[in-house]
Amino acid sequence: MPIGHVPRSINIRTSGVMTRKCAPGDGVIVTGVYLPAALYGQRGATLTQDTYIHAFDIEKEKTSNSDHSLAEETLDQINTIKSTSSNDSHLLTRLANSICPEIFGMTEVKQALLL
């Protein structure tokens, strides 16, 4: 998500083997048809439309986070930062400030997410 943009979503309908191709958090490329879906208001008085994609193919672009392992270079950088920090609270604050730096404050929430 680019900074400052509002998250958007769209419904995707699948069937058969397509339903088990991805997991939450996976980046996917969807091929399908963009279609309207009728939505009826209270007591059928009004008719509005929503949209969805009827998917024919789903490809994983990125696997889930559990499939990744850290490179040796990254592990060395982590160990360097850990050894240069004077205490654990300083390191926790430094890491918390690196999460969503465009959101000012909320340090306790960021620290809770880290832990």
Protein backbone atom coordinates (compact mmCIF):
# COMPACT_ATOMS: atom_id res chain seq x y z
CA MET A 1 0.00 0.00 0.00
CA PRO A 2 1.51 3.35 -0.93
CA ILE A 3 1.81 5.89 1.90
CA GLY A 4 -1.37 7.90 2.38
CA HIS A 5 -3.62 5.66 0.29
CA VAL A 6 -6.83 4.08 1.57
CA PRO A 7 -6.88 0.26 1.51
CA ARG A 8 -9.27 -1.09 -1.11
CA SER A 9 -10.68 -4.54 -1.61
CA ILE A 10 -12.70 -6.50 -4.13
CA ASN A 11 -14.48 -9.83 -3.83
CA ILE A 12 -13.13 -12.71 -5.87
CA ARG A 13 -15.26 -15.78 -6.49
CA THR A 14 -13.68 -19.11 -7.30
CA SER A 15 -14.78 -22.71 -7.62
CA GLY A 16 -13.25 -26.16 -7.68
CA VAL A 17 -9.48 -26.46 -7.37
CA MET A 18 -9.05 -22.69 -7.45
CA THR A 19 -10.32 -22.41 -3.87
CA ARG A 20 -7.14 -23.87 -2.31
CA LYS A 21 -4.46 -22.11 -4.33
CA CYS A 22 -3.49 -19.41 -1.84
CA ALA A 23 -3.48 -18.55 1.85
CA PRO A 24 -4.05 -15.28 3.75
CA GLY A 25 -1.10 -12.96 3.26
CA ASP A 26 -0.07 -14.35 -0.11
CA GLY A 27 0.43 -11.95 -3.00
CA VAL A 28 -1.54 -13.25 -5.97
CA ILE A 29 -2.17 -12.51 -9.62
CA VAL A 30 -5.81 -13.15 -10.54
CA THR A 31 -7.09 -13.70 -14.07
CA GLY A 32 -10.83 -13.47 -14.46
CA VAL A 33 -13.89 -11.52 -15.51
CA TYR A 34 -15.06 -8.37 -13.73
CA LEU A 35 -18.83 -8.79 -13.21
CA PRO A 36 -21.72 -7.02 -11.47
CA ALA A 37 -23.64 -8.72 -8.67
CA ALA A 38 -27.19 -7.61 -7.82
CA LEU A 39 -27.80 -6.61 -4.21
CA TYR A 40 -31.36 -6.20 -3.02
CA GLY A 41 -32.20 -3.53 -0.46
CA GLN A 42 -34.65 -3.90 2.41
CA ARG A 43 -37.77 -5.80 1.36
CA GLY A 44 -36.57 -5.86 -2.24
CA ALA A 45 -37.53 -2.21 -2.78
CA THR A 46 -34.19 -1.06 -4.17
CA LEU A 47 -31.73 -2.76 -6.45
CA THR A 48 -28.07 -1.84 -6.20
CA GLN A 49 -25.00 -3.46 -7.65
CA ASP A 50 -21.74 -4.64 -6.21
CA THR A 51 -18.88 -5.99 -8.30
CA TYR A 52 -16.66 -9.04 -8.09
CA ILE A 53 -14.10 -10.94 -10.13
CA HIS A 54 -14.98 -14.44 -11.31
CA ALA A 55 -11.49 -16.00 -11.21
CA PHE A 56 -10.27 -18.42 -13.87
CA ASP A 57 -6.67 -18.59 -12.69
CA ILE A 58 -4.80 -17.63 -9.53
CA GLU A 59 -1.00 -17.53 -9.39
CA LYS A 60 1.04 -16.97 -6.25
CA GLU A 61 3.27 -13.94 -6.61
CA LYS A 62 4.74 -14.13 -3.12
CA THR A 63 4.65 -17.01 -0.68
CA SER A 64 3.54 -16.62 2.93
CA ASN A 65 6.01 -15.23 5.46
CA SER A 66 6.64 -18.64 7.01
CA ASP A 67 8.28 -19.82 3.76
CA HIS A 68 11.11 -17.26 3.98
CA SER A 69 14.40 -17.66 5.77
CA LEU A 70 16.91 -14.94 6.59
CA ALA A 71 20.12 -14.64 4.63
CA GLU A 72 23.47 -14.79 6.43
CA GLU A 73 24.09 -11.11 5.67
CA THR A 74 20.80 -10.15 7.34
CA LEU A 75 21.59 -12.28 10.39
CA ASP A 76 25.00 -10.58 10.67
CA GLN A 77 23.32 -7.14 10.55
CA ILE A 78 20.89 -8.19 13.30
CA ASN A 79 23.72 -9.43 15.51
CA THR A 80 25.66 -6.18 14.93
CA ILE A 81 22.67 -4.04 15.96
CA LYS A 82 22.07 -6.27 18.97
CA SER A 83 25.66 -6.01 20.16
CA THR A 84 25.84 -2.20 19.71
CA SER A 85 22.65 -1.51 21.69
CA SER A 86 23.36 -0.54 25.29
CA ASN A 87 20.23 -2.23 26.67
CA ASP A 88 17.15 -4.10 25.53
CA SER A 89 14.72 -1.21 26.06
CA HIS A 90 16.75 1.00 23.70
CA LEU A 91 16.65 -1.70 21.03
CA LEU A 92 12.90 -2.21 21.51
CA THR A 93 12.26 1.53 21.13
CA ARG A 94 14.48 1.70 18.04
CA LEU A 95 12.68 -1.23 16.41
CA ALA A 96 9.26 0.16 17.34
CA ASN A 97 10.09 3.51 15.74
CA SER A 98 10.96 1.73 12.49
CA ILE A 99 7.44 0.28 12.18
CA CYS A 100 5.18 2.59 10.14
CA PRO A 101 7.37 5.68 10.58
CA GLU A 102 4.71 7.80 8.86
CA ILE A 103 2.43 7.24 11.89
CA PHE A 104 3.63 9.50 14.68
CA GLY A 105 3.53 8.22 18.26
CA MET A 106 1.72 5.05 19.34
CA THR A 107 5.04 3.63 20.53
CA GLU A 108 3.38 1.25 22.99
CA VAL A 109 1.18 -0.24 20.26
CA LYS A 110 4.18 -0.68 17.97
CA GLN A 111 6.15 -2.34 20.79
CA ALA A 112 3.23 -4.70 21.46
CA LEU A 113 3.19 -5.67 17.78
CA LEU A 114 6.91 -6.42 17.94
CA LEU A 115 6.57 -8.57 21.02
